[in-house]
Amino acid sequence: MDKYLNKLNFDFQTNQKILTLISEIDLYKGKWNSIEKQENIYLKELKKIATIESIGSSTRIEGGTLTDKEIEELLNDVKITKLKTRDEQEVVGYYDTLEIIFENYDNISLTENYIKQLHQNLLRHSDKDTRHRGGYKSLSNKVVASYPGGVQKVIFNTTDVHLVASEMYDIISWTNNQLEKKEIHSLIIIANFIYEFLSIHPFQDGNGRLSRLLTTLLLLQSDYLFIQYVSFENLIEKTKKEYYQALMEGQKNRSNEMENISNWTLYFLDKLRMLSERLDAKYDVFKSKGGYLNERQKMIKDYLIENQPSKISDLAKEFVEINIHTIKKDIQYMKKERIIKSIGKGKGTIYLIDNERHQK
């Protein structure tokens, strides 16, 4: 029997749970993909927030210490900042690689070569990883979980060095073949690939971070576009004990016929479902607040709420410190993003808030 299919031989109850979770996730996928086509300001800001959360969580899972605020400040100043600490090097490497995936996921094939390139990019700023980045491990390694207080615990042993290349070839070939055949749902195939990748632990360092980047890549390639706007990494950080436990359940029977990844598959799908709920709630909050506005635009919006309908001339009298051309640009921007609407033409045009969409 196919060694990977054998691990997916779930009992009836597990299969029912999996079907329910996949159904909920796919229902949200369809809903979100219609929102995605609008390309509005809410999406830009949600993506920015999710990116910072993803970088912070994924590096902290592996022992990093930078907060999301510190990461945001670092990235805002990254071009003129020398990366002195390992934490800073890992953050910028993760950011660079995540951006490559967001911008090029349609053109990145799941191959050993591309995976090695992503690994090289992930570690390209890390001084201590210069010798081994982009190449499979040459020394045995173990999966170690870091807990508060500096406590570390071995989660499981990984594939021997001499077997890494063949096992990576096998899982990549199987995954591509199954995704092409479409006989098994893509989410189950992706969950299995990530489990196998972590079990093999093909690189000397950076495997955990790369596994989460590959998760994003594969989900985007399977059209789960919402993954860009909410952080899977953040949810893993918050459920780290459950994350490692799910992996360990399959690992305890690694390489024998009892190996089964039902707990990991359920964890993976349940967290995806939770992500869709989290994003839905965040998106609703953004819509109700009128999306992302700078401080000047917020002042204009607040004025309109209290004094609508208003003309440009009214705004110019109220905000004498703001150039009228700037006010006009802000108004056009807010109109485009459907935060306000206009009635009339020329100098007689009045502007008002759509109270059904934007409550104060």
Protein backbone atom coordinates (compact mmCIF):
# COMPACT_ATOMS: atom_id res chain seq x y z
CA MET A 1 0.00 0.00 0.00
CA ASP A 2 1.12 3.60 -0.63
CA LYS A 3 3.12 4.55 2.50
CA TYR A 4 1.57 8.01 2.63
CA LEU A 5 -2.00 6.85 2.05
CA ASN A 6 -1.57 4.38 4.89
CA LYS A 7 -1.01 7.32 7.27
CA LEU A 8 -4.28 8.84 6.02
CA ASN A 9 -6.29 5.73 6.83
CA PHE A 10 -8.54 7.46 9.37
CA ASP A 11 -11.41 5.96 11.35
CA PHE A 12 -15.02 6.81 10.55
CA GLN A 13 -15.43 9.47 13.25
CA THR A 14 -12.22 11.25 12.21
CA ASN A 15 -13.32 11.21 8.57
CA GLN A 16 -16.63 12.82 9.52
CA LYS A 17 -14.86 15.57 11.45
CA ILE A 18 -12.49 16.15 8.53
CA LEU A 19 -15.37 16.40 6.05
CA THR A 20 -17.16 18.94 8.26
CA LEU A 21 -14.05 21.08 8.70
CA ILE A 22 -13.19 21.02 5.00
CA SER A 23 -16.76 21.94 4.11
CA GLU A 24 -16.65 25.00 6.42
CA ILE A 25 -13.22 26.09 5.17
CA ASP A 26 -14.18 25.73 1.51
CA LEU A 27 -17.42 27.64 2.05
CA TYR A 28 -15.39 30.52 3.48
CA LYS A 29 -12.82 30.21 0.69
CA GLY A 30 -15.55 30.92 -1.89
CA LYS A 31 -16.89 33.85 0.13
CA TRP A 32 -13.44 35.36 0.64
CA ASN A 33 -12.33 34.99 -2.97
CA SER A 34 -15.25 37.25 -4.01
CA ILE A 35 -14.11 39.84 -1.42
CA GLU A 36 -10.55 39.53 -2.73
CA LYS A 37 -11.65 40.73 -6.18
CA GLN A 38 -12.68 44.10 -4.72
CA GLU A 39 -9.05 44.98 -3.83
CA ASN A 40 -10.07 47.56 -1.24
CA ILE A 41 -8.09 49.33 1.47
CA TYR A 42 -9.27 46.89 4.15
CA LEU A 43 -7.31 44.09 2.47
CA LYS A 44 -4.10 46.11 2.33
CA GLU A 45 -4.21 46.89 6.02
CA LEU A 46 -5.27 43.37 7.05
CA LYS A 47 -2.37 41.95 5.03
CA LYS A 48 0.08 44.33 6.65
CA ILE A 49 -1.09 43.37 10.15
CA ALA A 50 -1.08 39.63 9.32
CA THR A 51 2.44 39.84 7.85
CA ILE A 52 3.87 41.40 11.04
CA GLU A 53 2.04 38.82 13.19
CA SER A 54 3.28 35.95 11.02
CA ILE A 55 6.91 37.04 11.15
CA GLY A 56 6.77 37.64 14.90
CA SER A 57 5.05 34.39 15.78
CA SER A 58 7.06 32.15 13.46
CA THR A 59 10.40 33.46 14.77
CA ARG A 60 9.26 33.36 18.41
CA ILE A 61 8.10 29.74 18.06
CA GLU A 62 11.76 28.95 17.35
CA GLY A 63 13.06 31.01 20.29
CA GLY A 64 13.07 34.57 18.88
CA THR A 65 12.35 37.39 21.31
CA LEU A 66 11.27 40.42 19.25
CA THR A 67 7.72 41.71 19.78
CA ASP A 68 5.41 42.56 16.87
CA LYS A 69 5.94 46.27 17.60
CA GLU A 70 9.73 45.88 17.51
CA ILE A 71 9.44 43.93 14.25
CA GLU A 72 7.28 46.62 12.66
CA GLU A 73 9.81 49.29 13.63
CA LEU A 74 12.69 47.19 12.30
CA LEU A 75 10.99 46.60 8.94
CA ASN A 76 10.10 50.28 8.58
CA ASP A 77 13.78 51.12 8.92
CA VAL A 78 15.31 47.97 7.42
CA LYS A 79 17.12 49.68 4.52
CA ILE A 80 19.24 51.84 6.78
CA THR A 81 19.61 49.48 9.70
CA LYS A 82 22.51 47.08 10.07
CA LEU A 83 21.18 43.73 11.24
CA LYS A 84 23.26 43.17 14.35
CA THR A 85 21.41 40.45 16.23
CA ARG A 86 20.33 36.97 15.16
CA ASP A 87 16.72 37.87 15.95
CA GLU A 88 16.85 40.80 13.52
CA GLN A 89 18.50 38.67 10.83
CA GLU A 90 15.81 35.98 11.15
CA VAL A 91 12.98 38.52 11.06
CA VAL A 92 14.18 40.17 7.85
CA GLY A 93 14.86 36.79 6.24
CA TYR A 94 11.33 35.64 7.04
CA TYR A 95 9.84 38.89 5.76
CA ASP A 96 11.79 38.70 2.48
CA THR A 97 10.78 35.08 1.87
CA LEU A 98 7.13 35.68 2.74
CA GLU A 99 7.03 38.58 0.27
CA ILE A 100 8.55 36.37 -2.44
CA ILE A 101 5.79 33.82 -1.83
CA PHE A 102 3.00 36.43 -1.84
CA GLU A 103 4.23 37.95 -5.09
CA ASN A 104 5.26 34.79 -6.98
CA TYR A 105 3.30 31.82 -5.61
CA ASP A 106 1.85 31.06 -9.04
CA ASN A 107 5.36 30.64 -10.45
CA ILE A 108 7.00 28.65 -7.63
CA SER A 109 6.85 24.91 -8.24
CA LEU A 110 7.05 22.43 -5.39
CA THR A 111 10.51 21.06 -6.23
CA GLU A 112 13.66 20.36 -4.25
CA ASN A 113 15.39 23.21 -6.07
CA TYR A 114 12.74 25.81 -5.17
CA ILE A 115 12.55 24.60 -1.57
CA LYS A 116 16.33 24.97 -1.27
CA GLN A 117 16.14 28.45 -2.81
CA LEU A 118 13.47 29.49 -0.29
CA HIS A 119 15.62 28.10 2.53
CA GLN A 120 18.63 30.02 1.27
CA ASN A 121 16.61 33.22 1.13
CA LEU A 122 15.15 32.62 4.59
CA LEU A 123 18.63 32.41 6.12
CA ARG A 124 20.50 34.78 3.83
CA HIS A 125 20.93 37.45 6.53
CA SER A 126 21.90 34.94 9.25
CA ASP A 127 25.64 35.01 9.82
CA LYS A 128 25.78 31.71 11.65
CA ASP A 129 23.90 29.86 8.90
CA THR A 130 26.18 30.82 6.00
CA ARG A 131 27.72 27.35 5.57
CA HIS A 132 24.54 25.31 5.38
CA ARG A 133 21.82 27.54 3.96
CA GLY A 134 20.21 26.19 0.81
CA GLY A 135 21.65 22.69 1.33
CA TYR A 136 20.36 19.59 3.10
CA LYS A 137 21.71 18.84 6.56
CA SER A 138 25.05 17.13 7.05
CA LEU A 139 24.57 16.38 10.76
CA SER A 140 21.68 14.67 12.50
CA ASN A 141 19.17 17.02 14.15
CA LYS A 142 16.17 16.76 16.40
CA VAL A 143 12.96 18.75 16.69
CA VAL A 144 13.22 20.73 19.91
CA ALA A 145 10.40 22.81 21.35
CA SER A 146 11.28 26.01 23.24
CA TYR A 147 9.10 26.86 26.22
CA PRO A 148 8.97 29.95 28.48
CA GLY A 149 11.92 30.22 30.80
CA GLY A 150 14.35 28.73 28.30
CA VAL A 151 13.16 25.14 28.82
CA GLN A 152 13.61 22.93 25.74
CA LYS A 153 12.13 19.52 25.03
CA VAL A 154 12.94 17.02 22.28
CA ILE A 155 9.75 16.45 20.30
CA PHE A 156 10.99 13.73 17.98
CA ASN A 157 14.01 12.38 16.18
CA THR A 158 14.26 13.10 12.49
CA THR A 159 15.37 11.42 9.26
CA ASP A 160 18.99 10.27 9.09
CA VAL A 161 21.27 12.43 6.97
CA HIS A 162 21.86 9.79 4.28
CA LEU A 163 18.09 9.32 3.72
CA VAL A 164 17.08 12.98 3.47
CA ALA A 165 17.45 13.40 -0.31
CA SER A 166 15.46 10.26 -1.16
CA GLU A 167 12.69 11.00 1.37
CA MET A 168 12.37 14.59 0.12
CA TYR A 169 12.19 13.36 -3.46
CA ASP A 170 9.48 10.85 -2.51
CA ILE A 171 7.22 13.26 -0.61
CA ILE A 172 7.56 16.03 -3.21
CA SER A 173 6.73 13.61 -6.04
CA TRP A 174 3.78 12.15 -4.13
CA THR A 175 2.40 15.58 -3.23
CA ASN A 176 2.62 16.94 -6.77
CA ASN A 177 1.09 13.76 -8.17
CA GLN A 178 -1.83 13.83 -5.71
CA LEU A 179 -2.51 17.53 -6.23
CA GLU A 180 -2.64 16.90 -9.96
CA LYS A 181 -4.90 13.84 -9.69
CA LYS A 182 -7.35 15.62 -7.34
CA GLU A 183 -8.57 12.36 -5.85
CA ILE A 184 -7.77 13.51 -2.32
CA HIS A 185 -8.73 16.96 -1.07
CA SER A 186 -5.84 19.41 -1.38
CA LEU A 187 -6.02 20.39 2.31
CA ILE A 188 -5.35 16.80 3.38
CA ILE A 189 -2.44 16.57 0.92
CA ILE A 190 -0.96 19.85 2.22
CA ALA A 191 -1.33 18.75 5.86
CA ASN A 192 0.48 15.50 5.02
CA PHE A 193 3.30 17.29 3.19
CA ILE A 194 3.95 19.62 6.14
CA TYR A 195 3.96 16.70 8.58
CA GLU A 196 6.45 14.80 6.40
CA PHE A 197 8.64 17.87 5.91
CA LEU A 198 8.86 18.41 9.67
CA SER A 199 9.50 14.71 10.28
CA ILE A 200 12.34 14.65 7.75
CA HIS A 201 13.71 18.01 9.00
CA PRO A 202 15.86 18.23 5.86
CA PHE A 203 17.91 21.31 6.74
CA GLN A 204 20.33 21.94 9.59
CA ASP A 205 18.29 24.91 10.78
CA GLY A 206 15.20 26.88 9.77
CA ASN A 207 12.92 23.87 9.21
CA GLY A 208 10.08 25.10 11.40
CA ARG A 209 10.02 28.56 9.85
CA LEU A 210 10.29 27.11 6.33
CA SER A 211 7.46 24.64 7.00
CA ARG A 212 5.15 27.55 7.82
CA LEU A 213 6.23 29.45 4.72
CA LEU A 214 5.60 26.34 2.61
CA THR A 215 2.16 26.03 4.21
CA THR A 216 1.33 29.54 2.99
CA LEU A 217 2.74 28.76 -0.47
CA LEU A 218 0.71 25.57 -0.90
CA LEU A 219 -2.50 27.12 0.43
CA LEU A 220 -2.19 30.06 -1.98
CA GLN A 221 -1.52 27.68 -4.86
CA SER A 222 -4.72 25.82 -3.92
CA ASP A 223 -6.62 29.13 -4.05
CA TYR A 224 -7.00 29.67 -0.28
CA LEU A 225 -6.27 33.35 -0.78
CA PHE A 226 -7.51 34.38 2.65
CA ILE A 227 -4.30 33.01 4.21
CA GLN A 228 -2.54 36.30 3.27
CA TYR A 229 -4.81 38.35 5.52
CA VAL A 230 -4.74 36.41 8.78
CA SER A 231 -1.76 34.82 10.49
CA PHE A 232 -1.60 31.02 10.66
CA GLU A 233 1.74 31.38 12.45
CA ASN A 234 0.12 33.48 15.17
CA LEU A 235 -2.49 30.81 15.84
CA ILE A 236 0.23 28.13 16.00
CA GLU A 237 2.16 30.25 18.52
CA LYS A 238 -0.96 30.56 20.68
CA THR A 239 -1.60 26.78 20.51
CA LYS A 240 2.02 25.64 20.53
CA LYS A 241 1.48 22.80 22.99
CA GLU A 242 -1.37 21.41 20.87
CA TYR A 243 0.73 21.89 17.70
CA TYR A 244 3.65 19.82 19.03
CA GLN A 245 1.36 17.23 20.55
CA ALA A 246 -0.39 16.63 17.22
CA LEU A 247 2.98 16.13 15.51
CA MET A 248 4.21 13.80 18.27
CA GLU A 249 1.11 11.61 18.01
CA GLY A 250 2.05 10.67 14.46
CA GLN A 251 5.77 10.56 15.19
CA LYS A 252 5.55 7.99 17.97
CA ASN A 253 4.95 5.33 15.30
CA ARG A 254 7.24 6.88 12.68
CA SER A 255 8.31 4.47 9.94
CA ASN A 256 6.02 1.61 10.91
CA GLU A 257 2.56 0.63 9.69
CA MET A 258 0.89 2.09 12.79
CA GLU A 259 1.94 5.64 11.86
CA ASN A 260 -1.19 7.76 11.52
CA ILE A 261 -1.59 11.52 11.23
CA SER A 262 -5.25 11.90 12.14
CA ASN A 263 -4.52 14.20 15.12
CA TRP A 264 -2.22 16.39 13.02
CA THR A 265 -4.74 16.58 10.15
CA LEU A 266 -7.53 17.56 12.55
CA TYR A 267 -5.28 20.17 14.19
CA PHE A 268 -4.30 21.61 10.81
CA LEU A 269 -7.90 21.82 9.54
CA ASP A 270 -9.36 23.06 12.81
CA LYS A 271 -6.86 25.93 12.93
CA LEU A 272 -7.64 26.84 9.30
CA ARG A 273 -11.33 26.96 10.22
CA MET A 274 -10.51 29.15 13.22
CA LEU A 275 -8.48 31.43 10.95
CA SER A 276 -11.45 31.91 8.65
CA GLU A 277 -13.61 32.89 11.64
CA ARG A 278 -10.93 35.23 12.94
CA LEU A 279 -10.54 36.92 9.54
CA ASP A 280 -14.30 37.26 9.13
CA ALA A 281 -14.51 39.09 12.46
CA LYS A 282 -11.52 41.33 11.67
CA TYR A 283 -12.88 42.21 8.25
CA ASP A 284 -16.26 43.16 9.74
CA VAL A 285 -14.53 45.45 12.25
CA PHE A 286 -12.56 47.14 9.47
CA LYS A 287 -15.70 47.72 7.43
CA SER A 288 -17.62 49.13 10.38
CA LYS A 289 -14.81 51.57 11.14
CA GLY A 290 -14.32 52.62 7.56
CA GLY A 291 -11.11 50.73 6.93
CA TYR A 292 -7.65 52.17 7.38
CA LEU A 293 -7.36 55.95 7.43
CA ASN A 294 -4.50 58.19 8.45
CA GLU A 295 -5.07 60.71 11.25
CA ARG A 296 -5.96 63.55 8.87
CA GLN A 297 -8.52 61.41 7.03
CA LYS A 298 -10.03 60.25 10.34
CA MET A 299 -10.56 63.91 11.31
CA ILE A 300 -12.34 64.58 8.01
CA LYS A 301 -14.49 61.50 8.45
CA ASP A 302 -15.43 62.48 12.03
CA TYR A 303 -16.32 65.99 10.87
CA LEU A 304 -18.58 64.59 8.14
CA ILE A 305 -20.35 62.30 10.60
CA GLU A 306 -21.27 65.32 12.74
CA ASN A 307 -21.83 67.85 9.92
CA GLN A 308 -23.06 65.96 6.87
CA PRO A 309 -23.79 66.81 4.19
CA SER A 310 -20.77 69.09 3.70
CA LYS A 311 -18.98 70.70 0.77
CA ILE A 312 -15.25 70.95 0.14
CA SER A 313 -15.51 74.64 1.11
CA ASP A 314 -16.95 73.63 4.51
CA LEU A 315 -14.03 71.28 5.10
CA ALA A 316 -11.53 73.97 4.03
CA LYS A 317 -13.00 76.39 6.59
CA GLU A 318 -12.91 73.76 9.33
CA PHE A 319 -9.38 72.55 8.61
CA VAL A 320 -7.52 75.74 7.74
CA GLU A 321 -4.21 74.08 8.54
CA ILE A 322 -4.72 71.53 5.72
CA ASN A 323 -4.07 72.54 2.12
CA ILE A 324 -7.30 72.42 0.08
CA HIS A 325 -5.64 70.21 -2.55
CA THR A 326 -4.81 67.70 0.20
CA ILE A 327 -8.44 67.78 1.36
CA LYS A 328 -9.61 67.09 -2.19
CA LYS A 329 -7.21 64.14 -2.49
CA ASP A 330 -8.40 62.73 0.83
CA ILE A 331 -12.01 63.08 -0.24
CA GLN A 332 -11.35 61.29 -3.54
CA TYR A 333 -9.49 58.51 -1.73
CA MET A 334 -12.30 58.04 0.81
CA LYS A 335 -14.84 58.06 -2.01
CA LYS A 336 -12.92 55.43 -3.94
CA GLU A 337 -12.80 53.22 -0.85
CA ARG A 338 -16.56 53.74 -0.37
CA ILE A 339 -16.11 55.35 3.03
CA ILE A 340 -18.07 58.42 1.88
CA LYS A 341 -20.37 59.19 -1.04
CA SER A 342 -21.11 62.33 -3.03
CA ILE A 343 -24.21 63.98 -4.44
CA GLY A 344 -24.14 66.65 -7.14
CA LYS A 345 -21.40 68.06 -9.39
CA GLY A 346 -18.75 70.76 -9.34
CA LYS A 347 -18.56 73.25 -6.47
CA GLY A 348 -22.07 72.30 -5.36
CA THR A 349 -21.07 68.67 -4.64
CA ILE A 350 -21.91 67.55 -1.13
CA TYR A 351 -20.29 64.66 0.73
CA LEU A 352 -21.73 62.38 3.36
CA ILE A 353 -21.07 59.10 5.21
CA ASP A 354 -22.96 55.97 4.24
CA ASN A 355 -24.36 55.27 7.70
CA GLU A 356 -25.37 51.71 6.80
CA ARG A 357 -21.73 50.80 6.08
CA HIS A 358 -19.82 53.02 8.49
CA GLN A 359 -20.93 53.54 12.04
CA LYS A 360 -18.97 55.86 14.22
